[in-house]
Amino acid sequence: RVKEHEDKLFVEAFATQMKLKDVELLDRFVLDEVYYVVRSKDKMYWFNKDFSRYGQQDFISKEGVLEEFDDLGYDVGYGVYDDQIVFTFEKSVHYVFLDVETLEKVFEFGGSDNVVE
């Protein structure tokens, strides 16, 4: 509950700073630091917790990849890798990140069963 409240405050602060309306939190992601991925209208934005880095791109739904990878037991979400929004696929100790536009694998760590190729 505390994290949810904190996340809401960070999203509201980012929306105010960027003058965005109707901002929806899509995901909170932690790799080397905490990142947030949000949506406003037809754009997605990412930012780190101290607001020192951020970016934007057109919104791309995860619904298409969700169906395919959810059946394989992966938790599907959004994340940030190399200053871009990626789809994240997590299953126990296996992590795969795909570029949201090209669906190319940009990062993989851990287990080898059901590896995405």
C-alpha atoms as a PDB file:
ATOM      1  CA  ARG A   1       0.000   0.000   0.000  1.00  0.00           C
ATOM      2  CA  VAL A   2       2.801   2.418   0.790  1.00  0.00           C
ATOM      3  CA  LYS A   3       4.445   1.672  -2.583  1.00  0.00           C
ATOM      4  CA  GLU A   4       1.142   2.246  -4.394  1.00  0.00           C
ATOM      5  CA  HIS A   5       0.743   5.642  -2.735  1.00  0.00           C
ATOM      6  CA  GLU A   6       4.377   6.524  -3.464  1.00  0.00           C
ATOM      7  CA  ASP A   7       3.987   5.412  -7.096  1.00  0.00           C
ATOM      8  CA  LYS A   8       0.883   7.587  -7.463  1.00  0.00           C
ATOM      9  CA  LEU A   9       2.791  10.616  -6.137  1.00  0.00           C
ATOM     10  CA  PHE A  10       5.682  10.055  -8.575  1.00  0.00           C
ATOM     11  CA  VAL A  11       3.282   9.667 -11.510  1.00  0.00           C
ATOM     12  CA  GLU A  12       1.375  12.824 -10.524  1.00  0.00           C
ATOM     13  CA  ALA A  13       4.632  14.786 -10.177  1.00  0.00           C
ATOM     14  CA  PHE A  14       5.825  13.610 -13.606  1.00  0.00           C
ATOM     15  CA  ALA A  15       2.452  14.444 -15.189  1.00  0.00           C
ATOM     16  CA  THR A  16       2.581  17.940 -13.692  1.00  0.00           C
ATOM     17  CA  GLN A  17       6.191  18.484 -14.794  1.00  0.00           C
ATOM     18  CA  MET A  18       5.432  17.326 -18.354  1.00  0.00           C
ATOM     19  CA  LYS A  19       1.964  18.991 -18.465  1.00  0.00           C
ATOM     20  CA  LEU A  20       0.226  15.691 -19.239  1.00  0.00           C
ATOM     21  CA  LYS A  21      -3.468  14.935 -18.737  1.00  0.00           C
ATOM     22  CA  ASP A  22      -5.172  11.640 -17.869  1.00  0.00           C
ATOM     23  CA  VAL A  23      -1.966   9.775 -17.044  1.00  0.00           C
ATOM     24  CA  GLU A  24      -2.226   6.036 -16.373  1.00  0.00           C
ATOM     25  CA  LEU A  25       0.526   4.026 -14.679  1.00  0.00           C
ATOM     26  CA  LEU A  26       1.293   1.052 -16.924  1.00  0.00           C
ATOM     27  CA  ASP A  27       4.153  -0.435 -14.909  1.00  0.00           C
ATOM     28  CA  ARG A  28       6.728   0.120 -12.185  1.00  0.00           C
ATOM     29  CA  PHE A  29       9.986  -1.529 -13.157  1.00  0.00           C
ATOM     30  CA  VAL A  30      13.223  -2.142 -11.247  1.00  0.00           C
ATOM     31  CA  LEU A  31      16.495  -3.193 -12.862  1.00  0.00           C
ATOM     32  CA  ASP A  32      19.425  -0.938 -12.020  1.00  0.00           C
ATOM     33  CA  GLU A  33      17.039   1.681 -10.579  1.00  0.00           C
ATOM     34  CA  VAL A  34      13.293   2.300 -10.296  1.00  0.00           C
ATOM     35  CA  TYR A  35      11.506   3.283 -13.510  1.00  0.00           C
ATOM     36  CA  TYR A  36       7.883   4.118 -14.217  1.00  0.00           C
ATOM     37  CA  VAL A  37       6.098   3.583 -17.528  1.00  0.00           C
ATOM     38  CA  VAL A  38       2.950   5.673 -17.990  1.00  0.00           C
ATOM     39  CA  ARG A  39       0.446   6.415 -20.732  1.00  0.00           C
ATOM     40  CA  SER A  40      -1.230   9.663 -21.708  1.00  0.00           C
ATOM     41  CA  LYS A  41      -3.521   9.467 -24.724  1.00  0.00           C
ATOM     42  CA  ASP A  42      -1.564   7.862 -27.588  1.00  0.00           C
ATOM     43  CA  LYS A  43       1.915   8.248 -26.024  1.00  0.00           C
ATOM     44  CA  MET A  44       3.928   6.209 -23.520  1.00  0.00           C
ATOM     45  CA  TYR A  45       6.473   7.856 -21.262  1.00  0.00           C
ATOM     46  CA  TRP A  46       9.172   6.399 -19.053  1.00  0.00           C
ATOM     47  CA  PHE A  47      11.058   8.108 -16.251  1.00  0.00           C
ATOM     48  CA  ASN A  48      13.351   7.203 -13.392  1.00  0.00           C
ATOM     49  CA  LYS A  49      12.519   7.874  -9.772  1.00  0.00           C
ATOM     50  CA  ASP A  50      14.633  11.030  -9.455  1.00  0.00           C
ATOM     51  CA  PHE A  51      13.303  12.448 -12.780  1.00  0.00           C
ATOM     52  CA  SER A  52      16.842  12.802 -14.175  1.00  0.00           C
ATOM     53  CA  ARG A  53      16.085  10.601 -17.222  1.00  0.00           C
ATOM     54  CA  TYR A  54      12.914  10.195 -19.238  1.00  0.00           C
ATOM     55  CA  GLY A  55      11.639   9.526 -22.733  1.00  0.00           C
ATOM     56  CA  GLN A  56       8.514   9.024 -24.806  1.00  0.00           C
ATOM     57  CA  GLN A  57       7.213   7.067 -27.761  1.00  0.00           C
ATOM     58  CA  ASP A  58       3.909   6.112 -29.348  1.00  0.00           C
ATOM     59  CA  PHE A  59       1.715   3.836 -27.240  1.00  0.00           C
ATOM     60  CA  ILE A  60       1.991   0.148 -28.111  1.00  0.00           C
ATOM     61  CA  SER A  61      -0.362  -2.237 -26.333  1.00  0.00           C
ATOM     62  CA  LYS A  62       1.017  -5.392 -24.770  1.00  0.00           C
ATOM     63  CA  GLU A  63      -2.174  -7.312 -25.581  1.00  0.00           C
ATOM     64  CA  GLY A  64      -0.735  -9.029 -28.675  1.00  0.00           C
ATOM     65  CA  VAL A  65       2.293 -10.407 -26.864  1.00  0.00           C
ATOM     66  CA  LEU A  66       0.362 -10.956 -23.640  1.00  0.00           C
ATOM     67  CA  GLU A  67      -1.704 -13.785 -25.090  1.00  0.00           C
ATOM     68  CA  GLU A  68       1.301 -15.618 -26.504  1.00  0.00           C
ATOM     69  CA  PHE A  69       3.602 -15.389 -23.482  1.00  0.00           C
ATOM     70  CA  ASP A  70       0.986 -15.578 -20.739  1.00  0.00           C
ATOM     71  CA  ASP A  71       0.223 -19.116 -21.941  1.00  0.00           C
ATOM     72  CA  LEU A  72       3.922 -19.980 -21.415  1.00  0.00           C
ATOM     73  CA  GLY A  73       3.730 -18.873 -17.776  1.00  0.00           C
ATOM     74  CA  TYR A  74       5.476 -15.514 -18.145  1.00  0.00           C
ATOM     75  CA  ASP A  75       4.362 -12.349 -16.366  1.00  0.00           C
ATOM     76  CA  VAL A  76       4.181  -9.735 -19.122  1.00  0.00           C
ATOM     77  CA  GLY A  77       4.780  -6.043 -18.480  1.00  0.00           C
ATOM     78  CA  TYR A  78       6.549  -2.894 -19.557  1.00  0.00           C
ATOM     79  CA  GLY A  79      10.076  -1.980 -18.527  1.00  0.00           C
ATOM     80  CA  VAL A  80      12.976   0.268 -19.463  1.00  0.00           C
ATOM     81  CA  TYR A  81      16.214  -0.968 -21.000  1.00  0.00           C
ATOM     82  CA  ASP A  82      18.891   1.123 -22.707  1.00  0.00           C
ATOM     83  CA  ASP A  83      16.682   4.241 -22.398  1.00  0.00           C
ATOM     84  CA  GLN A  84      13.749   2.725 -24.265  1.00  0.00           C
ATOM     85  CA  ILE A  85      10.480   1.088 -23.293  1.00  0.00           C
ATOM     86  CA  VAL A  86      10.530  -2.690 -23.674  1.00  0.00           C
ATOM     87  CA  PHE A  87       8.116  -5.535 -23.082  1.00  0.00           C
ATOM     88  CA  THR A  88       9.273  -7.590 -20.107  1.00  0.00           C
ATOM     89  CA  PHE A  89       8.665 -11.311 -19.676  1.00  0.00           C
ATOM     90  CA  GLU A  90       9.448 -12.781 -16.277  1.00  0.00           C
ATOM     91  CA  LYS A  91       9.170 -16.373 -15.094  1.00  0.00           C
ATOM     92  CA  SER A  92      10.865 -17.440 -11.840  1.00  0.00           C
ATOM     93  CA  VAL A  93      14.524 -16.707 -12.691  1.00  0.00           C
ATOM     94  CA  HIS A  94      14.155 -16.110 -16.435  1.00  0.00           C
ATOM     95  CA  TYR A  95      13.852 -12.565 -17.792  1.00  0.00           C
ATOM     96  CA  VAL A  96      13.450 -11.533 -21.428  1.00  0.00           C
ATOM     97  CA  PHE A  97      13.087  -7.967 -22.755  1.00  0.00           C
ATOM     98  CA  LEU A  98      11.749  -7.258 -26.268  1.00  0.00           C
ATOM     99  CA  ASP A  99      11.772  -3.958 -28.142  1.00  0.00           C
ATOM    100  CA  VAL A 100       8.108  -2.850 -28.209  1.00  0.00           C
ATOM    101  CA  GLU A 101       8.259  -1.765 -31.848  1.00  0.00           C
ATOM    102  CA  THR A 102      10.320  -4.518 -33.498  1.00  0.00           C
ATOM    103  CA  LEU A 103       9.799  -7.344 -30.959  1.00  0.00           C
ATOM    104  CA  GLU A 104      13.539  -8.040 -31.186  1.00  0.00           C
ATOM    105  CA  LYS A 105      15.127  -9.507 -28.074  1.00  0.00           C
ATOM    106  CA  VAL A 106      17.285  -6.822 -26.439  1.00  0.00           C
ATOM    107  CA  PHE A 107      18.122  -8.579 -23.162  1.00  0.00           C
ATOM    108  CA  GLU A 108      17.853 -12.043 -21.607  1.00  0.00           C
ATOM    109  CA  PHE A 109      18.934 -13.324 -18.238  1.00  0.00           C
ATOM    110  CA  GLY A 110      18.459 -16.603 -16.407  1.00  0.00           C
ATOM    111  CA  GLY A 111      16.740 -19.895 -17.171  1.00  0.00           C
ATOM    112  CA  SER A 112      16.685 -21.612 -20.522  1.00  0.00           C
ATOM    113  CA  ASP A 113      13.315 -23.395 -20.696  1.00  0.00           C
ATOM    114  CA  ASN A 114      10.873 -21.875 -23.190  1.00  0.00           C
ATOM    115  CA  VAL A 115      13.504 -19.442 -24.413  1.00  0.00           C
ATOM    116  CA  VAL A 116      12.148 -16.778 -26.738  1.00  0.00           C
ATOM    117  CA  GLU A 117      13.780 -16.906 -30.166  1.00  0.00           C
END
